């Protein structure tokens, strides 16, 4: 997918600067395709900021009203310093590795400001989506009871939830068909983590928790207007 996104950026840039077309009057096409990069800063302290990328399609119903549909991709790792064990683990015995591949799918309704500049236009957006998450979890730790050590294995999964977001952004016309889009977005959502801790002698226990994943994003990309 990274190769596809990179190819799309190259195509848009070459179309903008090598086509020889003049910009002319500011004209918004009814339909656009684009690709963008994203900086995400989750508000929960368990997560660090991450970078991602995605693709969008836009359709304008009128000069001031439109809708956007898109899918993004993020990936992050979580280790033993970011999770809690349900038992008193022996010192230094905890090993935990979680890899989350996140695919937010979303829709945004947009209202554009009246045209006040020849090559720029702002907008506000409000939308909803769903965070699809593909997870790999593996880990182990030791529990010592009456001098005997019991090794526990960790398996599990992470599930995303529905989200809502608000956005403010602007389009800058680079050529007749090419636009630079810059947007700031705040997303409200949660994620559910489920962990199963098991030992052949002690049995197993499943722990579930819901973590806030509210985050703000800065997004920048290129769009082609048909």
C-alpha atoms as a PDB file:
ATOM      1  CA  UNK A   1       0.000   0.000   0.000  1.00  0.00           C
ATOM      2  CA  UNK A   2       2.923   2.352   0.694  1.00  0.00           C
ATOM      3  CA  UNK A   3       4.034   1.913  -2.931  1.00  0.00           C
ATOM      4  CA  UNK A   4       0.551   2.813  -4.177  1.00  0.00           C
ATOM      5  CA  UNK A   5       0.378   5.950  -2.011  1.00  0.00           C
ATOM      6  CA  UNK A   6       3.852   7.038  -3.103  1.00  0.00           C
ATOM      7  CA  UNK A   7       2.922   6.486  -6.743  1.00  0.00           C
ATOM      8  CA  UNK A   8      -0.236   8.544  -6.345  1.00  0.00           C
ATOM      9  CA  UNK A   9       1.722  11.435  -4.830  1.00  0.00           C
ATOM     10  CA  UNK A  10       4.209  11.285  -7.692  1.00  0.00           C
ATOM     11  CA  UNK A  11       1.396  11.287 -10.250  1.00  0.00           C
ATOM     12  CA  UNK A  12      -0.328  14.268  -8.636  1.00  0.00           C
ATOM     13  CA  UNK A  13       2.858  16.289  -8.381  1.00  0.00           C
ATOM     14  CA  UNK A  14       3.879  15.589 -11.962  1.00  0.00           C
ATOM     15  CA  UNK A  15       0.381  16.468 -13.190  1.00  0.00           C
ATOM     16  CA  UNK A  16       0.460  19.741 -11.278  1.00  0.00           C
ATOM     17  CA  UNK A  17       3.797  21.015 -12.477  1.00  0.00           C
ATOM     18  CA  UNK A  18       4.393  19.349 -15.829  1.00  0.00           C
ATOM     19  CA  UNK A  19       0.981  19.632 -17.462  1.00  0.00           C
ATOM     20  CA  UNK A  20       1.522  23.241 -18.477  1.00  0.00           C
ATOM     21  CA  UNK A  21      -2.081  24.166 -17.650  1.00  0.00           C
ATOM     22  CA  UNK A  22      -2.769  27.527 -16.117  1.00  0.00           C
ATOM     23  CA  UNK A  23      -4.764  27.747 -12.929  1.00  0.00           C
ATOM     24  CA  UNK A  24      -7.350  30.141 -14.288  1.00  0.00           C
ATOM     25  CA  UNK A  25     -10.376  30.823 -12.114  1.00  0.00           C
ATOM     26  CA  UNK A  26     -10.762  28.919  -8.859  1.00  0.00           C
ATOM     27  CA  UNK A  27     -12.859  25.921  -9.879  1.00  0.00           C
ATOM     28  CA  UNK A  28     -13.931  23.060  -7.641  1.00  0.00           C
ATOM     29  CA  UNK A  29     -14.669  19.794  -9.369  1.00  0.00           C
ATOM     30  CA  UNK A  30     -17.548  17.679  -8.194  1.00  0.00           C
ATOM     31  CA  UNK A  31     -15.318  14.674  -7.464  1.00  0.00           C
ATOM     32  CA  UNK A  32     -11.779  14.347  -6.055  1.00  0.00           C
ATOM     33  CA  UNK A  33      -9.333  11.613  -5.121  1.00  0.00           C
ATOM     34  CA  UNK A  34      -6.376  12.199  -2.861  1.00  0.00           C
ATOM     35  CA  UNK A  35      -3.686  10.823  -0.566  1.00  0.00           C
ATOM     36  CA  UNK A  36      -2.316  12.309   2.642  1.00  0.00           C
ATOM     37  CA  UNK A  37       0.091  11.896   5.527  1.00  0.00           C
ATOM     38  CA  UNK A  38      -1.067  12.172   9.150  1.00  0.00           C
ATOM     39  CA  UNK A  39       0.474  13.087  12.488  1.00  0.00           C
ATOM     40  CA  UNK A  40      -1.602  11.663  15.364  1.00  0.00           C
ATOM     41  CA  UNK A  41      -1.192  12.599  19.027  1.00  0.00           C
ATOM     42  CA  UNK A  42      -3.330  10.338  21.288  1.00  0.00           C
ATOM     43  CA  UNK A  43      -4.368  12.014  24.536  1.00  0.00           C
ATOM     44  CA  UNK A  44      -4.003   8.868  26.662  1.00  0.00           C
ATOM     45  CA  UNK A  45      -0.555   8.608  28.271  1.00  0.00           C
ATOM     46  CA  UNK A  46      -0.200   4.910  27.328  1.00  0.00           C
ATOM     47  CA  UNK A  47       0.312   5.892  23.685  1.00  0.00           C
ATOM     48  CA  UNK A  48       2.975   7.907  21.938  1.00  0.00           C
ATOM     49  CA  UNK A  49       2.338  10.086  18.908  1.00  0.00           C
ATOM     50  CA  UNK A  50       2.410   8.178  15.623  1.00  0.00           C
ATOM     51  CA  UNK A  51       2.502   8.891  11.906  1.00  0.00           C
ATOM     52  CA  UNK A  52       0.186   7.350   9.345  1.00  0.00           C
ATOM     53  CA  UNK A  53      -1.180   7.812   5.869  1.00  0.00           C
ATOM     54  CA  UNK A  54      -4.418   7.313   3.986  1.00  0.00           C
ATOM     55  CA  UNK A  55      -6.580   7.899   0.938  1.00  0.00           C
ATOM     56  CA  UNK A  56      -9.812   9.843   0.434  1.00  0.00           C
ATOM     57  CA  UNK A  57     -12.601  10.486  -2.033  1.00  0.00           C
ATOM     58  CA  UNK A  58     -14.613  13.730  -1.976  1.00  0.00           C
ATOM     59  CA  UNK A  59     -17.842  14.739  -3.642  1.00  0.00           C
ATOM     60  CA  UNK A  60     -19.359  18.242  -3.629  1.00  0.00           C
ATOM     61  CA  UNK A  61     -23.120  18.494  -3.844  1.00  0.00           C
ATOM     62  CA  UNK A  62     -23.131  22.289  -4.092  1.00  0.00           C
ATOM     63  CA  UNK A  63     -20.553  25.059  -4.045  1.00  0.00           C
ATOM     64  CA  UNK A  64     -20.517  25.032  -0.225  1.00  0.00           C
ATOM     65  CA  UNK A  65     -21.577  21.489   0.808  1.00  0.00           C
ATOM     66  CA  UNK A  66     -19.672  18.260   0.339  1.00  0.00           C
ATOM     67  CA  UNK A  67     -18.870  14.846   1.777  1.00  0.00           C
ATOM     68  CA  UNK A  68     -15.590  12.987   2.217  1.00  0.00           C
ATOM     69  CA  UNK A  69     -14.988   9.240   2.651  1.00  0.00           C
ATOM     70  CA  UNK A  70     -11.588   7.891   3.592  1.00  0.00           C
ATOM     71  CA  UNK A  71      -9.470   5.159   5.132  1.00  0.00           C
ATOM     72  CA  UNK A  72      -6.248   5.647   7.098  1.00  0.00           C
ATOM     73  CA  UNK A  73      -3.494   3.374   8.365  1.00  0.00           C
ATOM     74  CA  UNK A  74      -1.528   3.548  11.618  1.00  0.00           C
ATOM     75  CA  UNK A  75       0.752   1.090  13.373  1.00  0.00           C
ATOM     76  CA  UNK A  76       2.137   1.158  16.898  1.00  0.00           C
ATOM     77  CA  UNK A  77       3.848  -1.133  19.415  1.00  0.00           C
ATOM     78  CA  UNK A  78       3.107  -1.502  23.128  1.00  0.00           C
ATOM     79  CA  UNK A  79       5.424  -3.243  25.602  1.00  0.00           C
ATOM     80  CA  UNK A  80       5.353  -4.330  29.221  1.00  0.00           C
ATOM     81  CA  UNK A  81       5.784  -0.789  30.483  1.00  0.00           C
ATOM     82  CA  UNK A  82       2.357   0.184  29.123  1.00  0.00           C
ATOM     83  CA  UNK A  83       0.127  -2.567  30.568  1.00  0.00           C
ATOM     84  CA  UNK A  84      -0.787  -3.961  33.982  1.00  0.00           C
ATOM     85  CA  UNK A  85      -0.641  -7.638  34.952  1.00  0.00           C
ATOM     86  CA  UNK A  86      -3.574  -9.087  36.965  1.00  0.00           C
ATOM     87  CA  UNK A  87      -1.254 -10.885  39.403  1.00  0.00           C
ATOM     88  CA  UNK A  88       1.823  -9.965  41.418  1.00  0.00           C
ATOM     89  CA  UNK A  89       4.489 -10.979  38.906  1.00  0.00           C
ATOM     90  CA  UNK A  90       7.988 -11.914  39.979  1.00  0.00           C
ATOM     91  CA  UNK A  91      10.409  -8.994  39.538  1.00  0.00           C
ATOM     92  CA  UNK A  92      11.876  -8.811  36.060  1.00  0.00           C
ATOM     93  CA  UNK A  93       9.804 -11.709  34.727  1.00  0.00           C
ATOM     94  CA  UNK A  94       7.323  -9.791  32.563  1.00  0.00           C
ATOM     95  CA  UNK A  95       7.640  -9.880  28.774  1.00  0.00           C
ATOM     96  CA  UNK A  96       4.881  -8.321  26.683  1.00  0.00           C
ATOM     97  CA  UNK A  97       4.667  -7.323  23.036  1.00  0.00           C
ATOM     98  CA  UNK A  98       1.577  -5.907  21.334  1.00  0.00           C
ATOM     99  CA  UNK A  99       1.494  -4.755  17.718  1.00  0.00           C
ATOM    100  CA  UNK A 100      -1.627  -2.903  16.565  1.00  0.00           C
ATOM    101  CA  UNK A 101      -2.388  -2.172  12.921  1.00  0.00           C
ATOM    102  CA  UNK A 102      -5.235   0.340  12.840  1.00  0.00           C
ATOM    103  CA  UNK A 103      -7.520   1.116   9.888  1.00  0.00           C
ATOM    104  CA  UNK A 104      -9.906   4.014  10.639  1.00  0.00           C
ATOM    105  CA  UNK A 105     -12.735   4.209   8.072  1.00  0.00           C
ATOM    106  CA  UNK A 106     -14.730   7.448   8.162  1.00  0.00           C
ATOM    107  CA  UNK A 107     -17.174   9.855   6.547  1.00  0.00           C
ATOM    108  CA  UNK A 108     -17.100  13.637   6.942  1.00  0.00           C
ATOM    109  CA  UNK A 109     -19.719  16.228   6.035  1.00  0.00           C
ATOM    110  CA  UNK A 110     -18.063  19.484   4.985  1.00  0.00           C
ATOM    111  CA  UNK A 111     -19.254  23.078   4.709  1.00  0.00           C
ATOM    112  CA  UNK A 112     -16.993  25.405   2.709  1.00  0.00           C
ATOM    113  CA  UNK A 113     -16.554  29.106   3.299  1.00  0.00           C
ATOM    114  CA  UNK A 114     -17.475  31.518   0.524  1.00  0.00           C
ATOM    115  CA  UNK A 115     -14.659  32.125  -1.944  1.00  0.00           C
ATOM    116  CA  UNK A 116     -12.593  35.015  -0.616  1.00  0.00           C
ATOM    117  CA  UNK A 117      -9.206  34.203  -2.157  1.00  0.00           C
ATOM    118  CA  UNK A 118      -8.350  33.235  -5.709  1.00  0.00           C
ATOM    119  CA  UNK A 119      -6.501  30.058  -4.750  1.00  0.00           C
ATOM    120  CA  UNK A 120      -7.544  29.141  -1.186  1.00  0.00           C
ATOM    121  CA  UNK A 121     -10.709  28.112   0.606  1.00  0.00           C
ATOM    122  CA  UNK A 122     -11.445  27.050   4.194  1.00  0.00           C
ATOM    123  CA  UNK A 123     -13.997  24.569   5.508  1.00  0.00           C
ATOM    124  CA  UNK A 124     -15.433  22.970   8.641  1.00  0.00           C
ATOM    125  CA  UNK A 125     -16.157  19.266   8.941  1.00  0.00           C
ATOM    126  CA  UNK A 126     -18.114  16.909  11.189  1.00  0.00           C
ATOM    127  CA  UNK A 127     -18.050  13.156  10.779  1.00  0.00           C
ATOM    128  CA  UNK A 128     -18.086   9.616  12.150  1.00  0.00           C
ATOM    129  CA  UNK A 129     -16.223   6.394  11.512  1.00  0.00           C
ATOM    130  CA  UNK A 130     -15.017   3.078  12.864  1.00  0.00           C
ATOM    131  CA  UNK A 131     -11.564   2.003  14.028  1.00  0.00           C
ATOM    132  CA  UNK A 132     -10.773  -1.483  12.691  1.00  0.00           C
ATOM    133  CA  UNK A 133      -7.789  -2.987  14.536  1.00  0.00           C
ATOM    134  CA  UNK A 134      -5.666  -6.025  13.677  1.00  0.00           C
ATOM    135  CA  UNK A 135      -3.612  -7.077  16.700  1.00  0.00           C
ATOM    136  CA  UNK A 136      -0.784  -9.454  17.602  1.00  0.00           C
ATOM    137  CA  UNK A 137      -0.309 -10.009  21.355  1.00  0.00           C
ATOM    138  CA  UNK A 138       2.214 -12.310  22.953  1.00  0.00           C
ATOM    139  CA  UNK A 139       3.882 -12.321  26.334  1.00  0.00           C
ATOM    140  CA  UNK A 140       4.651 -14.182  29.509  1.00  0.00           C
ATOM    141  CA  UNK A 141       5.535 -13.625  33.158  1.00  0.00           C
ATOM    142  CA  UNK A 142       6.184 -15.651  36.300  1.00  0.00           C
ATOM    143  CA  UNK A 143       4.082 -15.766  39.453  1.00  0.00           C
ATOM    144  CA  UNK A 144       5.708 -17.115  42.617  1.00  0.00           C
ATOM    145  CA  UNK A 145       3.386 -18.799  45.157  1.00  0.00           C
ATOM    146  CA  UNK A 146       4.838 -20.422  48.301  1.00  0.00           C
ATOM    147  CA  UNK A 147       8.241 -20.580  46.683  1.00  0.00           C
ATOM    148  CA  UNK A 148       6.985 -22.230  43.486  1.00  0.00           C
ATOM    149  CA  UNK A 149       7.143 -20.443  40.143  1.00  0.00           C
ATOM    150  CA  UNK A 150       4.173 -20.597  37.768  1.00  0.00           C
ATOM    151  CA  UNK A 151       4.807 -19.303  34.224  1.00  0.00           C
ATOM    152  CA  UNK A 152       1.828 -17.532  32.661  1.00  0.00           C
ATOM    153  CA  UNK A 153       1.310 -16.959  28.932  1.00  0.00           C
ATOM    154  CA  UNK A 154      -0.534 -13.904  27.575  1.00  0.00           C
ATOM    155  CA  UNK A 155      -2.741 -13.876  24.483  1.00  0.00           C
ATOM    156  CA  UNK A 156      -5.452 -11.426  23.461  1.00  0.00           C
ATOM    157  CA  UNK A 157      -6.907  -8.956  21.026  1.00  0.00           C
ATOM    158  CA  UNK A 158      -7.752  -5.272  20.678  1.00  0.00           C
ATOM    159  CA  UNK A 159     -11.060  -4.098  19.215  1.00  0.00           C
ATOM    160  CA  UNK A 160     -11.858  -0.633  17.938  1.00  0.00           C
ATOM    161  CA  UNK A 161     -15.105   1.274  18.374  1.00  0.00           C
ATOM    162  CA  UNK A 162     -17.174   3.861  16.540  1.00  0.00           C
ATOM    163  CA  UNK A 163     -15.746   7.372  16.466  1.00  0.00           C
ATOM    164  CA  UNK A 164     -16.858  10.950  15.871  1.00  0.00           C
ATOM    165  CA  UNK A 165     -14.648  13.829  14.818  1.00  0.00           C
ATOM    166  CA  UNK A 166     -14.608  17.551  14.139  1.00  0.00           C
ATOM    167  CA  UNK A 167     -12.282  19.178  11.626  1.00  0.00           C
ATOM    168  CA  UNK A 168     -11.133  22.523  10.298  1.00  0.00           C
ATOM    169  CA  UNK A 169      -9.103  22.764   7.123  1.00  0.00           C
ATOM    170  CA  UNK A 170      -8.255  24.583   3.929  1.00  0.00           C
ATOM    171  CA  UNK A 171      -7.695  23.776   0.248  1.00  0.00           C
ATOM    172  CA  UNK A 172      -4.994  25.509  -1.793  1.00  0.00           C
ATOM    173  CA  UNK A 173      -5.164  25.308  -5.578  1.00  0.00           C
ATOM    174  CA  UNK A 174      -1.814  24.402  -7.154  1.00  0.00           C
ATOM    175  CA  UNK A 175      -3.019  23.969 -10.745  1.00  0.00           C
ATOM    176  CA  UNK A 176      -6.246  23.470 -12.660  1.00  0.00           C
ATOM    177  CA  UNK A 177      -6.798  20.007 -11.165  1.00  0.00           C
ATOM    178  CA  UNK A 178      -4.380  19.742  -8.213  1.00  0.00           C
ATOM    179  CA  UNK A 179      -5.094  20.892  -4.654  1.00  0.00           C
ATOM    180  CA  UNK A 180      -3.082  20.895  -1.457  1.00  0.00           C
ATOM    181  CA  UNK A 181      -5.251  20.040   1.558  1.00  0.00           C
ATOM    182  CA  UNK A 182      -4.300  20.874   5.160  1.00  0.00           C
ATOM    183  CA  UNK A 183      -6.539  19.873   8.055  1.00  0.00           C
ATOM    184  CA  UNK A 184      -6.609  19.677  11.858  1.00  0.00           C
ATOM    185  CA  UNK A 185      -8.973  17.073  13.292  1.00  0.00           C
ATOM    186  CA  UNK A 186     -10.034  15.955  16.788  1.00  0.00           C
ATOM    187  CA  UNK A 187     -11.356  12.402  17.176  1.00  0.00           C
ATOM    188  CA  UNK A 188     -13.417  10.936  20.024  1.00  0.00           C
ATOM    189  CA  UNK A 189     -13.221   7.144  20.324  1.00  0.00           C
ATOM    190  CA  UNK A 190     -12.310   4.233  22.625  1.00  0.00           C
ATOM    191  CA  UNK A 191     -10.540   0.909  22.141  1.00  0.00           C
ATOM    192  CA  UNK A 192     -11.218  -2.390  23.951  1.00  0.00           C
ATOM    193  CA  UNK A 193      -8.343  -4.667  24.985  1.00  0.00           C
ATOM    194  CA  UNK A 194      -8.889  -8.297  25.975  1.00  0.00           C
ATOM    195  CA  UNK A 195      -6.072 -10.357  27.506  1.00  0.00           C
ATOM    196  CA  UNK A 196      -6.121 -14.014  28.540  1.00  0.00           C
ATOM    197  CA  UNK A 197      -3.497 -15.048  31.117  1.00  0.00           C
ATOM    198  CA  UNK A 198      -3.093 -18.807  31.397  1.00  0.00           C
ATOM    199  CA  UNK A 199      -1.077 -21.426  33.254  1.00  0.00           C
ATOM    200  CA  UNK A 200      -1.596 -25.221  32.957  1.00  0.00           C
ATOM    201  CA  UNK A 201      -1.845 -25.639  36.744  1.00  0.00           C
ATOM    202  CA  UNK A 202      -3.512 -22.403  37.823  1.00  0.00           C
ATOM    203  CA  UNK A 203      -5.948 -22.122  34.909  1.00  0.00           C
ATOM    204  CA  UNK A 204      -6.697 -18.923  33.023  1.00  0.00           C
ATOM    205  CA  UNK A 205      -8.251 -15.526  33.556  1.00  0.00           C
ATOM    206  CA  UNK A 206      -9.479 -13.073  30.912  1.00  0.00           C
ATOM    207  CA  UNK A 207      -9.104  -9.369  31.609  1.00  0.00           C
ATOM    208  CA  UNK A 208     -10.998  -6.749  29.620  1.00  0.00           C
ATOM    209  CA  UNK A 209     -10.622  -2.985  29.732  1.00  0.00           C
ATOM    210  CA  UNK A 210     -11.712   0.006  27.700  1.00  0.00           C
ATOM    211  CA  UNK A 211      -9.174   2.739  27.017  1.00  0.00           C
ATOM    212  CA  UNK A 212      -9.925   6.237  25.793  1.00  0.00           C
ATOM    213  CA  UNK A 213      -8.325   6.855  22.427  1.00  0.00           C
ATOM    214  CA  UNK A 214      -9.312  10.476  21.897  1.00  0.00           C
ATOM    215  CA  UNK A 215      -6.699  12.066  19.663  1.00  0.00           C
ATOM    216  CA  UNK A 216      -5.931  15.110  17.578  1.00  0.00           C
ATOM    217  CA  UNK A 217      -4.470  14.893  14.107  1.00  0.00           C
ATOM    218  CA  UNK A 218      -2.705  17.124  11.618  1.00  0.00           C
ATOM    219  CA  UNK A 219      -3.297  15.964   8.034  1.00  0.00           C
ATOM    220  CA  UNK A 220      -1.718  17.113   4.782  1.00  0.00           C
ATOM    221  CA  UNK A 221      -2.123  15.753   1.270  1.00  0.00           C
ATOM    222  CA  UNK A 222      -2.673  16.265  -2.430  1.00  0.00           C
ATOM    223  CA  UNK A 223      -5.984  15.849  -4.255  1.00  0.00           C
ATOM    224  CA  UNK A 224      -6.866  15.511  -7.927  1.00  0.00           C
ATOM    225  CA  UNK A 225     -10.095  17.135  -9.119  1.00  0.00           C
ATOM    226  CA  UNK A 226     -11.911  15.458 -12.010  1.00  0.00           C
END
